[in-house]
Full PDB file with SEQRES, HELIX, SHEET, SSBOND, CRYST1, ORIGX, SCALE, CONECT and MASTER records, all heavy atoms in Angstrom:
SEQRES   1 A   30  ARG VAL TYR ILE ASP PHE GLY GLU HIS PRO GLY LYS ASP          
SEQRES   2 A   30  ARG ILE PRO ARG GLU ALA ALA ILE MET GLY LEU CYS VAL          
SEQRES   3 A   30  ILE THR GLY LYS                                              
HELIX    1 AA1 ARG A   14  ILE A   21  1                                   8    
SHEET    1 AA1 2 VAL A   2  ASP A   5  0                                        
SHEET    2 AA1 2 CYS A  25  THR A  28  1                                        
CRYST1    1.000    1.000    1.000  90.00  90.00  90.00 P 1           1          
ORIGX1      1.000000  0.000000  0.000000        0.00000                         
ORIGX2      0.000000  1.000000  0.000000        0.00000                         
ORIGX3      0.000000  0.000000  1.000000        0.00000                         
SCALE1      1.000000  0.000000  0.000000        0.00000                         
SCALE2      0.000000  1.000000  0.000000        0.00000                         
SCALE3      0.000000  0.000000  1.000000        0.00000                         
ATOM      1  N   ARG A   1      57.981  64.937  34.501  1.00  0.00           N  
ATOM      2  CA  ARG A   1      56.821  64.185  34.013  1.00  0.00           C  
ATOM      3  C   ARG A   1      56.875  62.712  34.429  1.00  0.00           C  
ATOM      4  O   ARG A   1      55.851  62.048  34.464  1.00  0.00           O  
ATOM      5  CB  ARG A   1      56.756  64.253  32.482  1.00  0.00           C  
ATOM      6  CG  ARG A   1      56.411  65.607  31.927  1.00  0.00           C  
ATOM      7  CD  ARG A   1      54.941  65.630  31.639  1.00  0.00           C  
ATOM      8  NE  ARG A   1      54.485  66.932  31.229  1.00  0.00           N  
ATOM      9  CZ  ARG A   1      53.785  67.156  30.145  1.00  0.00           C  
ATOM     10  NH1 ARG A   1      53.514  66.177  29.328  1.00  0.00           N  
ATOM     11  NH2 ARG A   1      53.359  68.365  29.883  1.00  0.00           N  
ATOM     12  N   VAL A   2      58.085  62.212  34.703  1.00  0.00           N  
ATOM     13  CA  VAL A   2      58.256  60.794  35.010  1.00  0.00           C  
ATOM     14  C   VAL A   2      59.139  60.648  36.239  1.00  0.00           C  
ATOM     15  O   VAL A   2      60.152  61.341  36.365  1.00  0.00           O  
ATOM     16  CB  VAL A   2      58.907  60.036  33.824  1.00  0.00           C  
ATOM     17  CG1 VAL A   2      59.093  58.565  34.148  1.00  0.00           C  
ATOM     18  CG2 VAL A   2      58.089  60.204  32.547  1.00  0.00           C  
ATOM     19  N   TYR A   3      58.741  59.749  37.132  1.00  0.00           N  
ATOM     20  CA  TYR A   3      59.555  59.391  38.295  1.00  0.00           C  
ATOM     21  C   TYR A   3      59.896  57.913  38.147  1.00  0.00           C  
ATOM     22  O   TYR A   3      59.003  57.075  37.959  1.00  0.00           O  
ATOM     23  CB  TYR A   3      58.787  59.635  39.598  1.00  0.00           C  
ATOM     24  CG  TYR A   3      59.512  59.100  40.795  1.00  0.00           C  
ATOM     25  CD1 TYR A   3      60.584  59.804  41.348  1.00  0.00           C  
ATOM     26  CD2 TYR A   3      59.167  57.881  41.349  1.00  0.00           C  
ATOM     27  CE1 TYR A   3      61.275  59.299  42.434  1.00  0.00           C  
ATOM     28  CE2 TYR A   3      59.854  57.365  42.432  1.00  0.00           C  
ATOM     29  CZ  TYR A   3      60.900  58.077  42.970  1.00  0.00           C  
ATOM     30  OH  TYR A   3      61.593  57.568  44.037  1.00  0.00           O  
ATOM     31  N   ILE A   4      61.175  57.587  38.230  1.00  0.00           N  
ATOM     32  CA  ILE A   4      61.638  56.208  38.063  1.00  0.00           C  
ATOM     33  C   ILE A   4      62.315  55.777  39.352  1.00  0.00           C  
ATOM     34  O   ILE A   4      63.172  56.489  39.875  1.00  0.00           O  
ATOM     35  CB  ILE A   4      62.644  56.107  36.895  1.00  0.00           C  
ATOM     36  CG1 ILE A   4      62.011  56.641  35.615  1.00  0.00           C  
ATOM     37  CG2 ILE A   4      63.132  54.675  36.728  1.00  0.00           C  
ATOM     38  CD1 ILE A   4      63.011  56.933  34.519  1.00  0.00           C  
ATOM     39  N   ASP A   5      61.926  54.597  39.859  1.00  0.00           N  
ATOM     40  CA  ASP A   5      62.507  54.112  41.115  1.00  0.00           C  
ATOM     41  C   ASP A   5      62.744  52.608  41.023  1.00  0.00           C  
ATOM     42  O   ASP A   5      61.813  51.817  41.110  1.00  0.00           O  
ATOM     43  CB  ASP A   5      61.568  54.436  42.272  1.00  0.00           C  
ATOM     44  CG  ASP A   5      62.202  54.205  43.631  1.00  0.00           C  
ATOM     45  OD1 ASP A   5      63.155  53.411  43.733  1.00  0.00           O  
ATOM     46  OD2 ASP A   5      61.724  54.831  44.588  1.00  0.00           O  
ATOM     47  N   PHE A   6      63.998  52.237  40.855  1.00  0.00           N  
ATOM     48  CA  PHE A   6      64.377  50.835  40.838  1.00  0.00           C  
ATOM     49  C   PHE A   6      65.087  50.451  42.129  1.00  0.00           C  
ATOM     50  O   PHE A   6      65.930  49.575  42.153  1.00  0.00           O  
ATOM     51  CB  PHE A   6      65.249  50.514  39.615  1.00  0.00           C  
ATOM     52  CG  PHE A   6      64.475  50.493  38.330  1.00  0.00           C  
ATOM     53  CD1 PHE A   6      64.642  51.491  37.397  1.00  0.00           C  
ATOM     54  CD2 PHE A   6      63.576  49.486  38.067  1.00  0.00           C  
ATOM     55  CE1 PHE A   6      63.926  51.489  36.209  1.00  0.00           C  
ATOM     56  CE2 PHE A   6      62.837  49.467  36.895  1.00  0.00           C  
ATOM     57  CZ  PHE A   6      63.019  50.474  35.964  1.00  0.00           C  
ATOM     58  N   GLY A   7      64.722  51.123  43.215  1.00  0.00           N  
ATOM     59  CA  GLY A   7      65.331  50.863  44.513  1.00  0.00           C  
ATOM     60  C   GLY A   7      64.749  49.643  45.192  1.00  0.00           C  
ATOM     61  O   GLY A   7      64.012  48.849  44.599  1.00  0.00           O  
ATOM     62  N   GLU A   8      65.069  49.528  46.477  1.00  0.00           N  
ATOM     63  CA  GLU A   8      64.694  48.347  47.270  1.00  0.00           C  
ATOM     64  C   GLU A   8      63.225  48.335  47.687  1.00  0.00           C  
ATOM     65  O   GLU A   8      62.676  47.276  47.951  1.00  0.00           O  
ATOM     66  CB  GLU A   8      65.570  48.272  48.520  1.00  0.00           C  
ATOM     67  CG  GLU A   8      67.040  48.055  48.215  1.00  0.00           C  
ATOM     68  CD  GLU A   8      67.300  46.719  47.550  1.00  0.00           C  
ATOM     69  OE1 GLU A   8      66.625  45.722  47.874  1.00  0.00           O  
ATOM     70  OE2 GLU A   8      68.201  46.671  46.690  1.00  0.00           O  
ATOM     71  N   HIS A   9      62.582  49.469  47.814  1.00  0.00           N  
ATOM     72  CA  HIS A   9      61.190  49.584  48.254  1.00  0.00           C  
ATOM     73  C   HIS A   9      60.942  48.761  49.525  1.00  0.00           C  
ATOM     74  O   HIS A   9      60.207  47.776  49.510  1.00  0.00           O  
ATOM     75  CB  HIS A   9      60.210  49.153  47.158  1.00  0.00           C  
ATOM     76  CG  HIS A   9      60.248  50.008  45.948  1.00  0.00           C  
ATOM     77  ND1 HIS A   9      59.510  51.158  45.837  1.00  0.00           N  
ATOM     78  CD2 HIS A   9      60.969  49.909  44.800  1.00  0.00           C  
ATOM     79  CE1 HIS A   9      59.758  51.720  44.671  1.00  0.00           C  
ATOM     80  NE2 HIS A   9      60.643  50.988  44.023  1.00  0.00           N  
ATOM     81  N   PRO A  10      61.554  49.177  50.636  1.00  0.00           N  
ATOM     82  CA  PRO A  10      61.401  48.413  51.878  1.00  0.00           C  
ATOM     83  C   PRO A  10      59.985  48.458  52.458  1.00  0.00           C  
ATOM     84  O   PRO A  10      59.645  47.658  53.316  1.00  0.00           O  
ATOM     85  CB  PRO A  10      62.391  49.080  52.829  1.00  0.00           C  
ATOM     86  CG  PRO A  10      62.565  50.457  52.298  1.00  0.00           C  
ATOM     87  CD  PRO A  10      62.398  50.346  50.802  1.00  0.00           C  
ATOM     88  N   GLY A  11      59.181  49.360  52.006  1.00  0.00           N  
ATOM     89  CA  GLY A  11      57.793  49.489  52.461  1.00  0.00           C  
ATOM     90  C   GLY A  11      57.088  50.432  51.520  1.00  0.00           C  
ATOM     91  O   GLY A  11      57.598  50.763  50.454  1.00  0.00           O  
ATOM     92  N   LYS A  12      55.922  50.882  51.913  1.00  0.00           N  
ATOM     93  CA  LYS A  12      55.191  51.849  51.098  1.00  0.00           C  
ATOM     94  C   LYS A  12      56.038  53.101  50.992  1.00  0.00           C  
ATOM     95  O   LYS A  12      56.097  53.895  51.919  1.00  0.00           O  
ATOM     96  CB  LYS A  12      53.864  52.183  51.770  1.00  0.00           C  
ATOM     97  CG  LYS A  12      52.680  51.772  51.011  1.00  0.00           C  
ATOM     98  CD  LYS A  12      51.442  52.248  51.714  1.00  0.00           C  
ATOM     99  CE  LYS A  12      50.380  51.196  51.553  1.00  0.00           C  
ATOM    100  NZ  LYS A  12      49.115  51.605  52.075  1.00  0.00           N  
ATOM    101  N   ASP A  13      56.707  53.264  49.891  1.00  0.00           N  
ATOM    102  CA  ASP A  13      57.646  54.378  49.738  1.00  0.00           C  
ATOM    103  C   ASP A  13      56.921  55.696  49.539  1.00  0.00           C  
ATOM    104  O   ASP A  13      55.935  55.787  48.805  1.00  0.00           O  
ATOM    105  CB  ASP A  13      58.592  54.130  48.562  1.00  0.00           C  
ATOM    106  CG  ASP A  13      59.599  53.036  48.857  1.00  0.00           C  
ATOM    107  OD1 ASP A  13      59.871  52.788  50.043  1.00  0.00           O  
ATOM    108  OD2 ASP A  13      60.118  52.450  47.903  1.00  0.00           O  
ATOM    109  N   ARG A  14      57.461  56.718  50.175  1.00  0.00           N  
ATOM    110  CA  ARG A  14      56.840  58.032  50.140  1.00  0.00           C  
ATOM    111  C   ARG A  14      57.017  58.730  48.801  1.00  0.00           C  
ATOM    112  O   ARG A  14      56.064  59.292  48.258  1.00  0.00           O  
ATOM    113  CB  ARG A  14      57.449  58.879  51.266  1.00  0.00           C  
ATOM    114  CG  ARG A  14      56.708  60.165  51.481  1.00  0.00           C  
ATOM    115  CD  ARG A  14      57.341  60.984  52.578  1.00  0.00           C  
ATOM    116  NE  ARG A  14      58.232  61.932  51.947  1.00  0.00           N  
ATOM    117  CZ  ARG A  14      59.368  62.363  52.461  1.00  0.00           C  
ATOM    118  NH1 ARG A  14      59.777  61.947  53.604  1.00  0.00           N  
ATOM    119  NH2 ARG A  14      60.099  63.224  51.813  1.00  0.00           N  
ATOM    120  N   ILE A  15      58.215  58.729  48.245  1.00  0.00           N  
ATOM    121  CA  ILE A  15      58.458  59.531  47.045  1.00  0.00           C  
ATOM    122  C   ILE A  15      57.654  59.039  45.837  1.00  0.00           C  
ATOM    123  O   ILE A  15      57.073  59.867  45.127  1.00  0.00           O  
ATOM    124  CB  ILE A  15      59.958  59.675  46.743  1.00  0.00           C  
ATOM    125  CG1 ILE A  15      60.627  60.449  47.884  1.00  0.00           C  
ATOM    126  CG2 ILE A  15      60.178  60.408  45.429  1.00  0.00           C  
ATOM    127  CD1 ILE A  15      62.109  60.691  47.697  1.00  0.00           C  
ATOM    128  N   PRO A  16      57.551  57.741  45.560  1.00  0.00           N  
ATOM    129  CA  PRO A  16      56.707  57.348  44.425  1.00  0.00           C  
ATOM    130  C   PRO A  16      55.257  57.823  44.594  1.00  0.00           C  
ATOM    131  O   PRO A  16      54.621  58.264  43.640  1.00  0.00           O  
ATOM    132  CB  PRO A  16      56.783  55.823  44.413  1.00  0.00           C  
ATOM    133  CG  PRO A  16      58.047  55.493  45.110  1.00  0.00           C  
ATOM    134  CD  PRO A  16      58.243  56.581  46.131  1.00  0.00           C  
ATOM    135  N   ARG A  17      54.769  57.769  45.814  1.00  0.00           N  
ATOM    136  CA  ARG A  17      53.399  58.205  46.078  1.00  0.00           C  
ATOM    137  C   ARG A  17      53.268  59.709  45.892  1.00  0.00           C  
ATOM    138  O   ARG A  17      52.314  60.196  45.293  1.00  0.00           O  
ATOM    139  CB  ARG A  17      53.010  57.785  47.500  1.00  0.00           C  
ATOM    140  CG  ARG A  17      53.011  56.272  47.668  1.00  0.00           C  
ATOM    141  CD  ARG A  17      53.173  55.818  49.116  1.00  0.00           C  
ATOM    142  NE  ARG A  17      52.231  56.409  50.025  1.00  0.00           N  
ATOM    143  CZ  ARG A  17      50.972  56.034  50.159  1.00  0.00           C  
ATOM    144  NH1 ARG A  17      50.522  55.037  49.418  1.00  0.00           N  
ATOM    145  NH2 ARG A  17      50.177  56.621  51.008  1.00  0.00           N  
ATOM    146  N   GLU A  18      54.223  60.459  46.408  1.00  0.00           N  
ATOM    147  CA  GLU A  18      54.204  61.915  46.233  1.00  0.00           C  
ATOM    148  C   GLU A  18      54.315  62.285  44.760  1.00  0.00           C  
ATOM    149  O   GLU A  18      53.634  63.195  44.288  1.00  0.00           O  
ATOM    150  CB  GLU A  18      55.328  62.558  47.036  1.00  0.00           C  
ATOM    151  CG  GLU A  18      55.105  62.487  48.530  1.00  0.00           C  
ATOM    152  CD  GLU A  18      56.283  63.005  49.340  1.00  0.00           C  
ATOM    153  OE1 GLU A  18      57.330  63.346  48.755  1.00  0.00           O  
ATOM    154  OE2 GLU A  18      56.156  63.060  50.572  1.00  0.00           O  
ATOM    155  N   ALA A  19      55.174  61.578  44.042  1.00  0.00           N  
ATOM    156  CA  ALA A  19      55.337  61.843  42.608  1.00  0.00           C  
ATOM    157  C   ALA A  19      54.020  61.604  41.871  1.00  0.00           C  
ATOM    158  O   ALA A  19      53.618  62.403  41.024  1.00  0.00           O  
ATOM    159  CB  ALA A  19      56.451  60.971  42.031  1.00  0.00           C  
ATOM    160  N   ALA A  20      53.341  60.518  42.199  1.00  0.00           N  
ATOM    161  CA  ALA A  20      52.062  60.218  41.545  1.00  0.00           C  
ATOM    162  C   ALA A  20      51.034  61.303  41.830  1.00  0.00           C  
ATOM    163  O   ALA A  20      50.335  61.763  40.921  1.00  0.00           O  
ATOM    164  CB  ALA A  20      51.549  58.854  42.009  1.00  0.00           C  
ATOM    165  N   ILE A  21      50.940  61.730  43.078  1.00  0.00           N  
ATOM    166  CA  ILE A  21      49.978  62.767  43.451  1.00  0.00           C  
ATOM    167  C   ILE A  21      50.310  64.089  42.758  1.00  0.00           C  
ATOM    168  O   ILE A  21      49.419  64.865  42.409  1.00  0.00           O  
ATOM    169  CB  ILE A  21      49.953  62.950  44.986  1.00  0.00           C  
ATOM    170  CG1 ILE A  21      49.391  61.710  45.658  1.00  0.00           C  
ATOM    171  CG2 ILE A  21      49.167  64.190  45.391  1.00  0.00           C  
ATOM    172  CD1 ILE A  21      47.982  61.346  45.241  1.00  0.00           C  
ATOM    173  N   MET A  22      51.597  64.324  42.508  1.00  0.00           N  
ATOM    174  CA  MET A  22      52.017  65.559  41.841  1.00  0.00           C  
ATOM    175  C   MET A  22      51.854  65.473  40.322  1.00  0.00           C  
ATOM    176  O   MET A  22      52.194  66.404  39.606  1.00  0.00           O  
ATOM    177  CB  MET A  22      53.455  65.892  42.218  1.00  0.00           C  
ATOM    178  CG  MET A  22      53.603  66.241  43.701  1.00  0.00           C  
ATOM    179  SD  MET A  22      55.312  66.466  44.212  1.00  0.00           S  
ATOM    180  CE  MET A  22      55.620  68.095  43.541  1.00  0.00           C  
ATOM    181  N   GLY A  23      51.343  64.332  39.825  1.00  0.00           N  
ATOM    182  CA  GLY A  23      51.045  64.212  38.406  1.00  0.00           C  
ATOM    183  C   GLY A  23      52.144  63.597  37.561  1.00  0.00           C  
ATOM    184  O   GLY A  23      52.128  63.745  36.341  1.00  0.00           O  
ATOM    185  N   LEU A  24      53.086  62.891  38.178  1.00  0.00           N  
ATOM    186  CA  LEU A  24      54.136  62.236  37.409  1.00  0.00           C  
ATOM    187  C   LEU A  24      53.752  60.798  37.108  1.00  0.00           C  
ATOM    188  O   LEU A  24      53.054  60.148  37.883  1.00  0.00           O  
ATOM    189  CB  LEU A  24      55.459  62.225  38.190  1.00  0.00           C  
ATOM    190  CG  LEU A  24      56.273  63.500  38.169  1.00  0.00           C  
ATOM    191  CD1 LEU A  24      55.662  64.571  39.043  1.00  0.00           C  
ATOM    192  CD2 LEU A  24      57.700  63.228  38.608  1.00  0.00           C  
ATOM    193  N   CYS A  25      54.219  60.309  35.988  1.00  0.00           N  
ATOM    194  CA  CYS A  25      54.120  58.891  35.689  1.00  0.00           C  
ATOM    195  C   CYS A  25      55.151  58.199  36.569  1.00  0.00           C  
ATOM    196  O   CYS A  25      56.294  58.648  36.653  1.00  0.00           O  
ATOM    197  CB  CYS A  25      54.438  58.619  34.224  1.00  0.00           C  
ATOM    198  SG  CYS A  25      53.234  59.312  33.090  1.00  0.00           S  
ATOM    199  N   VAL A  26      54.766  57.125  37.213  1.00  0.00           N  
ATOM    200  CA  VAL A  26      55.648  56.404  38.118  1.00  0.00           C  
ATOM    201  C   VAL A  26      56.023  55.078  37.481  1.00  0.00           C  
ATOM    202  O   VAL A  26      55.168  54.293  37.097  1.00  0.00           O  
ATOM    203  CB  VAL A  26      54.985  56.167  39.491  1.00  0.00           C  
ATOM    204  CG1 VAL A  26      55.853  55.314  40.392  1.00  0.00           C  
ATOM    205  CG2 VAL A  26      54.663  57.508  40.159  1.00  0.00           C  
ATOM    206  N   ILE A  27      57.329  54.855  37.383  1.00  0.00           N  
ATOM    207  CA  ILE A  27      57.876  53.600  36.852  1.00  0.00           C  
ATOM    208  C   ILE A  27      58.753  53.009  37.940  1.00  0.00           C  
ATOM    209  O   ILE A  27      59.614  53.705  38.491  1.00  0.00           O  
ATOM    210  CB  ILE A  27      58.690  53.858  35.572  1.00  0.00           C  
ATOM    211  CG1 ILE A  27      57.772  54.389  34.468  1.00  0.00           C  
ATOM    212  CG2 ILE A  27      59.409  52.587  35.129  1.00  0.00           C  
ATOM    213  CD1 ILE A  27      58.496  54.839  33.214  1.00  0.00           C  
ATOM    214  N   THR A  28      58.522  51.743  38.270  1.00  0.00           N  
ATOM    215  CA  THR A  28      59.312  51.117  39.328  1.00  0.00           C  
ATOM    216  C   THR A  28      59.853  49.768  38.891  1.00  0.00           C  
ATOM    217  O   THR A  28      59.437  49.213  37.872  1.00  0.00           O  
ATOM    218  CB  THR A  28      58.475  50.878  40.612  1.00  0.00           C  
ATOM    219  OG1 THR A  28      57.513  49.846  40.360  1.00  0.00           O  
ATOM    220  CG2 THR A  28      57.804  52.145  41.098  1.00  0.00           C  
ATOM    221  N   GLY A  29      60.727  49.264  39.742  1.00  0.00           N  
ATOM    222  CA  GLY A  29      61.174  47.893  39.619  1.00  0.00           C  
ATOM    223  C   GLY A  29      60.155  46.996  40.298  1.00  0.00           C  
ATOM    224  O   GLY A  29      59.025  47.424  40.585  1.00  0.00           O  
ATOM    225  N   LYS A  30      60.567  45.775  40.589  1.00  0.00           N  
ATOM    226  CA  LYS A  30      59.671  44.829  41.246  1.00  0.00           C  
ATOM    227  C   LYS A  30      60.309  44.242  42.494  1.00  0.00           C  
ATOM    228  O   LYS A  30      60.090  43.094  42.840  1.00  0.00           O  
ATOM    229  CB  LYS A  30      59.291  43.698  40.284  1.00  0.00           C  
ATOM    230  CG  LYS A  30      58.379  44.126  39.169  1.00  0.00           C  
ATOM    231  CD  LYS A  30      57.916  42.927  38.365  1.00  0.00           C  
ATOM    232  CE  LYS A  30      56.891  43.338  37.329  1.00  0.00           C  
ATOM    233  NZ  LYS A  30      56.400  42.171  36.579  1.00  0.00           N  
TER     234      LYS A  30                                                      
MASTER        0    0    0    1    2    0    0    6  233    1    0    3          
END                                                                             
């Protein structure tokens, strides 16, 4: 239900986007 990513995010990251499209809440760092 939730995808959490506190990584470096060097660019438009694929997994957060895929997680969102699959219906997960996305929580990230900054």
